[in-house]
Amino acid sequence: MTERPEIPPIPAIELPPLGNLDTERQWLQTALHNWLDDEYLPEAVNADIAERATSIYLRQRLEGEDDLGSLVVAIVTEMQSYDFTKSFYGEFAIANAVSDLLAQRR
């Protein structure tokens, strides 16, 4: 049997400390809403999705979560209860978009 080379774990991405809550809320909610509108079609539901995902993100950060991977899992988990029937998106697309936006901002 051939031994497989050990693959090192992917290092965690730690976000910087949370700054001004209102500024962070406005930035992420606007950035995510714009991303949603630009990716497919502008839809009224995109504003609600951006607001919900931003609220989850901020609550997690206020509870002390700074690991980007853990934030993605939290957003996926909590967005599973959202009704995406009026949207092109799902919880994974939303969580990944938030992750990408945050990583680009760093």
N, C-alpha and C. Protein backbone atom coordinates (compact mmCIF):
# COMPACT_ATOMS: atom_id res chain seq x y z
N MET A 1 0.83 -1.17 0.00
CA MET A 1 0.00 0.00 0.00
C MET A 1 0.88 1.25 0.00
N THR A 2 0.57 2.16 -0.87
CA THR A 2 1.35 3.38 -1.00
C THR A 2 0.86 4.42 0.00
N GLU A 3 1.82 5.04 0.67
CA GLU A 3 1.44 6.11 1.60
C GLU A 3 1.16 7.39 0.84
N ARG A 4 0.13 8.05 1.27
CA ARG A 4 -0.21 9.34 0.67
C ARG A 4 0.56 10.44 1.39
N PRO A 5 0.99 11.43 0.64
CA PRO A 5 1.69 12.54 1.31
C PRO A 5 0.70 13.29 2.22
N GLU A 6 1.21 13.75 3.33
CA GLU A 6 0.36 14.50 4.26
C GLU A 6 0.09 15.88 3.68
N ILE A 7 -1.18 16.24 3.66
CA ILE A 7 -1.59 17.55 3.15
C ILE A 7 -1.81 18.47 4.34
N PRO A 8 -1.10 19.58 4.36
CA PRO A 8 -1.26 20.48 5.52
C PRO A 8 -2.66 21.11 5.52
N PRO A 9 -3.17 21.39 6.71
CA PRO A 9 -4.50 22.02 6.77
C PRO A 9 -4.46 23.44 6.20
N ILE A 10 -5.60 23.86 5.71
CA ILE A 10 -5.72 25.23 5.21
C ILE A 10 -5.74 26.16 6.42
N PRO A 11 -4.87 27.15 6.42
CA PRO A 11 -4.84 28.05 7.59
C PRO A 11 -6.14 28.86 7.71
N ALA A 12 -6.53 29.08 8.94
CA ALA A 12 -7.73 29.88 9.20
C ALA A 12 -7.50 31.33 8.77
N ILE A 13 -8.56 31.96 8.35
CA ILE A 13 -8.50 33.39 8.03
C ILE A 13 -9.21 34.12 9.15
N GLU A 14 -8.45 34.86 9.91
CA GLU A 14 -9.01 35.63 11.02
C GLU A 14 -9.28 37.05 10.55
N LEU A 15 -10.48 37.51 10.80
CA LEU A 15 -10.85 38.87 10.42
C LEU A 15 -10.36 39.84 11.48
N PRO A 16 -10.07 41.06 11.07
CA PRO A 16 -9.64 42.08 12.05
C PRO A 16 -10.79 42.38 13.00
N PRO A 17 -10.49 43.00 14.13
CA PRO A 17 -11.56 43.34 15.09
C PRO A 17 -12.67 44.13 14.41
N LEU A 18 -13.87 43.89 14.89
CA LEU A 18 -15.05 44.57 14.36
C LEU A 18 -14.94 46.06 14.68
N GLY A 19 -15.10 46.87 13.66
CA GLY A 19 -15.04 48.33 13.84
C GLY A 19 -16.40 48.87 14.22
N ASN A 20 -16.72 50.00 13.68
CA ASN A 20 -18.00 50.64 13.95
C ASN A 20 -19.12 49.77 13.41
N LEU A 21 -20.05 49.41 14.28
CA LEU A 21 -21.12 48.48 13.94
C LEU A 21 -22.00 49.01 12.81
N ASP A 22 -22.37 50.27 12.87
CA ASP A 22 -23.23 50.85 11.82
C ASP A 22 -22.51 50.91 10.48
N THR A 23 -21.24 51.26 10.50
CA THR A 23 -20.45 51.32 9.27
C THR A 23 -20.31 49.93 8.67
N GLU A 24 -20.03 48.94 9.52
CA GLU A 24 -19.88 47.57 9.05
C GLU A 24 -21.20 47.04 8.48
N ARG A 25 -22.30 47.31 9.16
CA ARG A 25 -23.62 46.88 8.69
C ARG A 25 -23.93 47.50 7.33
N GLN A 26 -23.73 48.79 7.22
CA GLN A 26 -24.05 49.48 5.96
C GLN A 26 -23.17 48.97 4.82
N TRP A 27 -21.87 48.81 5.10
CA TRP A 27 -20.96 48.36 4.05
C TRP A 27 -21.35 46.96 3.55
N LEU A 28 -21.49 45.99 4.47
CA LEU A 28 -21.75 44.63 4.04
C LEU A 28 -23.13 44.50 3.39
N GLN A 29 -24.12 45.12 3.97
CA GLN A 29 -25.47 45.02 3.42
C GLN A 29 -25.52 45.60 2.00
N THR A 30 -24.88 46.74 1.80
CA THR A 30 -24.84 47.38 0.48
C THR A 30 -24.02 46.54 -0.50
N ALA A 31 -22.86 46.09 -0.07
CA ALA A 31 -21.98 45.30 -0.95
C ALA A 31 -22.66 44.00 -1.36
N LEU A 32 -23.30 43.32 -0.41
CA LEU A 32 -23.96 42.06 -0.73
C LEU A 32 -25.18 42.29 -1.62
N HIS A 33 -25.95 43.32 -1.33
CA HIS A 33 -27.11 43.64 -2.17
C HIS A 33 -26.65 43.93 -3.60
N ASN A 34 -25.61 44.72 -3.76
CA ASN A 34 -25.08 45.02 -5.10
C ASN A 34 -24.61 43.75 -5.80
N TRP A 35 -23.93 42.89 -5.05
CA TRP A 35 -23.45 41.63 -5.63
C TRP A 35 -24.62 40.79 -6.10
N LEU A 36 -25.65 40.66 -5.28
CA LEU A 36 -26.83 39.89 -5.65
C LEU A 36 -27.49 40.45 -6.91
N ASP A 37 -27.63 41.77 -6.97
CA ASP A 37 -28.25 42.40 -8.13
C ASP A 37 -27.40 42.24 -9.40
N ASP A 38 -26.10 42.31 -9.25
CA ASP A 38 -25.20 42.24 -10.40
C ASP A 38 -25.00 40.81 -10.91
N GLU A 39 -25.07 39.83 -10.02
CA GLU A 39 -24.77 38.45 -10.40
C GLU A 39 -25.82 37.87 -11.33
N TYR A 40 -27.10 38.09 -11.06
CA TYR A 40 -28.18 37.62 -11.94
C TYR A 40 -29.04 38.81 -12.34
N LEU A 41 -30.16 38.94 -11.66
CA LEU A 41 -31.09 40.03 -11.95
C LEU A 41 -31.42 40.77 -10.67
N PRO A 42 -31.60 42.08 -10.74
CA PRO A 42 -32.06 42.80 -9.55
C PRO A 42 -33.47 42.30 -9.19
N GLU A 43 -33.62 41.87 -7.94
CA GLU A 43 -34.90 41.40 -7.45
C GLU A 43 -35.19 42.06 -6.11
N ALA A 44 -36.43 42.29 -5.82
CA ALA A 44 -36.81 42.91 -4.55
C ALA A 44 -36.34 42.08 -3.36
N VAL A 45 -36.35 40.77 -3.50
CA VAL A 45 -35.96 39.88 -2.40
C VAL A 45 -34.47 40.02 -2.04
N ASN A 46 -33.66 40.53 -2.95
CA ASN A 46 -32.23 40.67 -2.68
C ASN A 46 -31.95 41.57 -1.48
N ALA A 47 -32.75 42.60 -1.30
CA ALA A 47 -32.56 43.49 -0.15
C ALA A 47 -32.79 42.74 1.15
N ASP A 48 -33.81 41.90 1.18
CA ASP A 48 -34.10 41.12 2.39
C ASP A 48 -33.01 40.10 2.67
N ILE A 49 -32.53 39.44 1.62
CA ILE A 49 -31.45 38.47 1.77
C ILE A 49 -30.20 39.15 2.32
N ALA A 50 -29.84 40.29 1.75
CA ALA A 50 -28.65 41.02 2.21
C ALA A 50 -28.80 41.45 3.66
N GLU A 51 -29.98 41.90 4.03
CA GLU A 51 -30.21 42.32 5.41
C GLU A 51 -30.09 41.14 6.37
N ARG A 52 -30.69 40.02 6.01
CA ARG A 52 -30.66 38.84 6.88
C ARG A 52 -29.23 38.32 7.03
N ALA A 53 -28.50 38.18 5.95
CA ALA A 53 -27.13 37.67 6.01
C ALA A 53 -26.23 38.61 6.81
N THR A 54 -26.42 39.90 6.63
CA THR A 54 -25.64 40.89 7.38
C THR A 54 -25.93 40.79 8.87
N SER A 55 -27.18 40.61 9.24
CA SER A 55 -27.54 40.48 10.65
C SER A 55 -26.89 39.25 11.28
N ILE A 56 -26.90 38.14 10.55
CA ILE A 56 -26.26 36.91 11.04
C ILE A 56 -24.77 37.15 11.24
N TYR A 57 -24.14 37.73 10.24
CA TYR A 57 -22.70 38.03 10.31
C TYR A 57 -22.38 38.90 11.53
N LEU A 58 -23.11 39.99 11.69
CA LEU A 58 -22.82 40.91 12.79
C LEU A 58 -23.07 40.27 14.15
N ARG A 59 -24.13 39.50 14.27
CA ARG A 59 -24.39 38.83 15.54
C ARG A 59 -23.25 37.87 15.89
N GLN A 60 -22.80 37.12 14.90
CA GLN A 60 -21.69 36.20 15.12
C GLN A 60 -20.42 36.95 15.54
N ARG A 61 -20.16 38.05 14.88
CA ARG A 61 -18.96 38.85 15.23
C ARG A 61 -19.08 39.41 16.64
N LEU A 62 -20.27 39.90 17.00
CA LEU A 62 -20.47 40.43 18.35
C LEU A 62 -20.33 39.35 19.41
N GLU A 63 -20.59 38.10 19.03
CA GLU A 63 -20.42 36.98 19.95
C GLU A 63 -18.97 36.50 20.00
N GLY A 64 -18.09 37.18 19.25
CA GLY A 64 -16.67 36.89 19.33
C GLY A 64 -16.10 36.03 18.21
N GLU A 65 -16.88 35.74 17.20
CA GLU A 65 -16.39 34.91 16.09
C GLU A 65 -15.62 35.76 15.09
N ASP A 66 -14.35 35.43 14.89
CA ASP A 66 -13.51 36.15 13.95
C ASP A 66 -12.99 35.28 12.81
N ASP A 67 -13.23 33.96 12.89
CA ASP A 67 -12.77 33.02 11.89
C ASP A 67 -13.72 33.03 10.69
N LEU A 68 -13.21 33.33 9.52
CA LEU A 68 -14.04 33.46 8.32
C LEU A 68 -14.74 32.16 7.98
N GLY A 69 -14.07 31.04 8.12
CA GLY A 69 -14.70 29.75 7.83
C GLY A 69 -15.87 29.46 8.75
N SER A 70 -15.72 29.77 10.02
CA SER A 70 -16.82 29.57 10.98
C SER A 70 -17.99 30.51 10.68
N LEU A 71 -17.68 31.71 10.23
CA LEU A 71 -18.75 32.64 9.86
C LEU A 71 -19.53 32.13 8.65
N VAL A 72 -18.84 31.54 7.70
CA VAL A 72 -19.51 30.98 6.52
C VAL A 72 -20.46 29.85 6.95
N VAL A 73 -19.98 28.97 7.83
CA VAL A 73 -20.82 27.87 8.31
C VAL A 73 -22.04 28.42 9.05
N ALA A 74 -21.86 29.44 9.86
CA ALA A 74 -22.98 30.04 10.60
C ALA A 74 -24.01 30.64 9.65
N ILE A 75 -23.54 31.32 8.61
CA ILE A 75 -24.47 31.93 7.65
C ILE A 75 -25.22 30.85 6.89
N VAL A 76 -24.53 29.81 6.44
CA VAL A 76 -25.20 28.70 5.74
C VAL A 76 -26.26 28.09 6.65
N THR A 77 -25.88 27.80 7.87
CA THR A 77 -26.80 27.14 8.81
C THR A 77 -28.04 27.98 9.08
N GLU A 78 -27.84 29.25 9.36
CA GLU A 78 -28.98 30.10 9.71
C GLU A 78 -29.82 30.50 8.50
N MET A 79 -29.20 30.56 7.34
CA MET A 79 -29.96 30.92 6.13
C MET A 79 -30.76 29.74 5.59
N GLN A 80 -30.53 28.54 6.11
CA GLN A 80 -31.31 27.37 5.66
C GLN A 80 -32.79 27.53 5.97
N SER A 81 -33.12 28.32 6.96
CA SER A 81 -34.53 28.52 7.30
C SER A 81 -35.18 29.63 6.46
N TYR A 82 -34.39 30.29 5.63
CA TYR A 82 -34.91 31.36 4.78
C TYR A 82 -35.61 30.76 3.56
N ASP A 83 -36.70 31.35 3.13
CA ASP A 83 -37.44 30.88 1.96
C ASP A 83 -36.83 31.50 0.69
N PHE A 84 -36.06 30.73 -0.02
CA PHE A 84 -35.39 31.20 -1.23
C PHE A 84 -36.21 30.96 -2.50
N THR A 85 -37.48 30.64 -2.38
CA THR A 85 -38.29 30.32 -3.57
C THR A 85 -38.45 31.50 -4.51
N LYS A 86 -38.28 32.73 -4.02
CA LYS A 86 -38.42 33.91 -4.88
C LYS A 86 -37.05 34.44 -5.33
N SER A 87 -36.04 33.61 -5.23
CA SER A 87 -34.68 34.05 -5.53
C SER A 87 -33.96 33.00 -6.37
N PHE A 88 -32.92 33.45 -7.07
CA PHE A 88 -32.04 32.54 -7.80
C PHE A 88 -31.01 31.92 -6.87
N TYR A 89 -30.89 32.42 -5.67
CA TYR A 89 -29.83 32.06 -4.76
C TYR A 89 -30.26 31.04 -3.72
N GLY A 90 -29.28 30.53 -2.99
CA GLY A 90 -29.47 29.64 -1.86
C GLY A 90 -28.49 30.02 -0.77
N GLU A 91 -28.56 29.33 0.34
CA GLU A 91 -27.73 29.69 1.49
C GLU A 91 -26.23 29.57 1.21
N PHE A 92 -25.82 28.61 0.39
CA PHE A 92 -24.39 28.46 0.11
C PHE A 92 -23.87 29.62 -0.73
N ALA A 93 -24.63 30.03 -1.72
CA ALA A 93 -24.21 31.16 -2.55
C ALA A 93 -24.09 32.43 -1.71
N ILE A 94 -25.02 32.63 -0.80
CA ILE A 94 -24.99 33.83 0.04
C ILE A 94 -23.78 33.81 0.95
N ALA A 95 -23.56 32.69 1.63
CA ALA A 95 -22.42 32.58 2.55
C ALA A 95 -21.10 32.76 1.81
N ASN A 96 -20.99 32.16 0.63
CA ASN A 96 -19.76 32.30 -0.16
C ASN A 96 -19.56 33.74 -0.63
N ALA A 97 -20.64 34.41 -1.00
CA ALA A 97 -20.53 35.81 -1.42
C ALA A 97 -20.07 36.69 -0.26
N VAL A 98 -20.63 36.46 0.92
CA VAL A 98 -20.19 37.23 2.10
C VAL A 98 -18.71 36.98 2.35
N SER A 99 -18.30 35.73 2.27
CA SER A 99 -16.89 35.39 2.48
C SER A 99 -15.99 36.10 1.47
N ASP A 100 -16.38 36.06 0.20
CA ASP A 100 -15.58 36.72 -0.84
C ASP A 100 -15.50 38.23 -0.61
N LEU A 101 -16.62 38.83 -0.27
CA LEU A 101 -16.63 40.28 -0.03
C LEU A 101 -15.73 40.65 1.14
N LEU A 102 -15.80 39.87 2.20
CA LEU A 102 -14.96 40.15 3.37
C LEU A 102 -13.49 39.93 3.08
N ALA A 103 -13.17 38.88 2.32
CA ALA A 103 -11.78 38.60 1.98
C ALA A 103 -11.21 39.69 1.07
N GLN A 104 -12.02 40.20 0.14
CA GLN A 104 -11.56 41.27 -0.74
C GLN A 104 -11.33 42.56 0.02
N ARG A 105 -12.09 42.75 1.07
CA ARG A 105 -12.01 44.00 1.85
C ARG A 105 -10.78 44.04 2.74
N ARG A 106 -10.28 42.87 3.11
CA ARG A 106 -9.16 42.80 4.07
C ARG A 106 -7.96 43.56 3.62
